[in-house]
């Protein structure tokens, strides 16, 4: 399983940014995403939204198999 975290400052209204980010899956144009589950979500003491999700994706490799 891969894990990552990042942060960035966006110059757009918070409502637009959060709505787009949280609603991007499921999406008919992203058939490779099999499921999206919310593990945890809260707003911290500084007003930042924290969301932990688990995405299940199908990955196809160009040569037909995974290099290990």
Protein backbone atom coordinates (compact mmCIF):
# COMPACT_ATOMS: atom_id res chain seq x y z
CA UNK A 1 0.00 0.00 0.00
CA UNK A 2 1.27 3.48 -0.87
CA UNK A 3 0.80 6.35 1.56
CA UNK A 4 1.42 10.02 1.01
CA UNK A 5 0.57 13.41 2.46
CA UNK A 6 0.93 16.92 1.12
CA UNK A 7 -0.34 20.43 1.58
CA UNK A 8 -0.64 23.43 -0.69
CA UNK A 9 -2.16 26.91 -0.73
CA UNK A 10 -4.79 27.43 -3.42
CA UNK A 11 -6.03 30.82 -4.59
CA UNK A 12 -9.66 29.75 -4.94
CA UNK A 13 -12.69 29.87 -2.64
CA UNK A 14 -12.57 27.15 0.02
CA UNK A 15 -16.07 25.92 -0.92
CA UNK A 16 -15.01 25.28 -4.54
CA UNK A 17 -11.71 23.61 -3.63
CA UNK A 18 -13.13 21.30 -0.98
CA UNK A 19 -16.16 20.33 -3.07
CA UNK A 20 -13.98 19.44 -6.07
CA UNK A 21 -11.45 17.50 -4.01
CA UNK A 22 -13.92 15.50 -1.96
CA UNK A 23 -16.22 14.67 -4.88
CA UNK A 24 -13.71 13.64 -7.53
CA UNK A 25 -14.35 9.90 -6.93
CA UNK A 26 -16.48 8.06 -7.88
CA UNK A 27 -16.46 9.56 -11.32
CA UNK A 28 -17.51 8.03 -14.67
CA UNK A 29 -14.25 9.23 -16.27
CA UNK A 30 -12.15 7.38 -13.68
CA UNK A 31 -13.17 3.78 -14.24
CA UNK A 32 -9.85 2.61 -12.74
CA UNK A 33 -11.05 3.71 -9.26
CA UNK A 34 -12.98 0.77 -7.83
CA UNK A 35 -13.93 2.27 -4.46
CA UNK A 36 -13.35 5.26 -2.20
CA UNK A 37 -13.92 4.97 1.56
CA UNK A 38 -13.57 7.67 4.20
CA UNK A 39 -11.55 6.37 7.15
CA UNK A 40 -11.53 9.57 9.24
CA UNK A 41 -12.48 13.22 8.80
CA UNK A 42 -12.27 16.20 11.17
CA UNK A 43 -11.44 19.90 11.40
CA UNK A 44 -8.41 20.54 13.61
CA UNK A 45 -7.86 23.37 16.14
CA UNK A 46 -6.51 25.65 13.39
CA UNK A 47 -9.57 25.14 11.17
CA UNK A 48 -7.86 22.76 8.73
CA UNK A 49 -9.86 19.89 7.28
CA UNK A 50 -8.21 16.50 7.76
CA UNK A 51 -9.48 13.58 5.67
CA UNK A 52 -8.09 10.07 5.48
CA UNK A 53 -9.46 7.95 2.64
CA UNK A 54 -8.76 4.52 1.26
CA UNK A 55 -8.91 4.25 -2.54
CA UNK A 56 -8.97 0.93 -4.36
CA UNK A 57 -7.69 1.28 -7.92
CA UNK A 58 -7.09 -1.02 -10.86
CA UNK A 59 -3.68 -0.50 -12.45
CA UNK A 60 -2.75 -1.88 -15.85
CA UNK A 61 0.90 -2.07 -16.81
CA UNK A 62 2.10 -1.40 -20.34
CA UNK A 63 3.99 -4.69 -20.66
CA UNK A 64 1.17 -6.71 -19.09
CA UNK A 65 2.94 -7.49 -15.81
CA UNK A 66 4.38 -5.75 -12.80
CA UNK A 67 8.13 -5.46 -12.35
CA UNK A 68 9.13 -6.43 -8.81
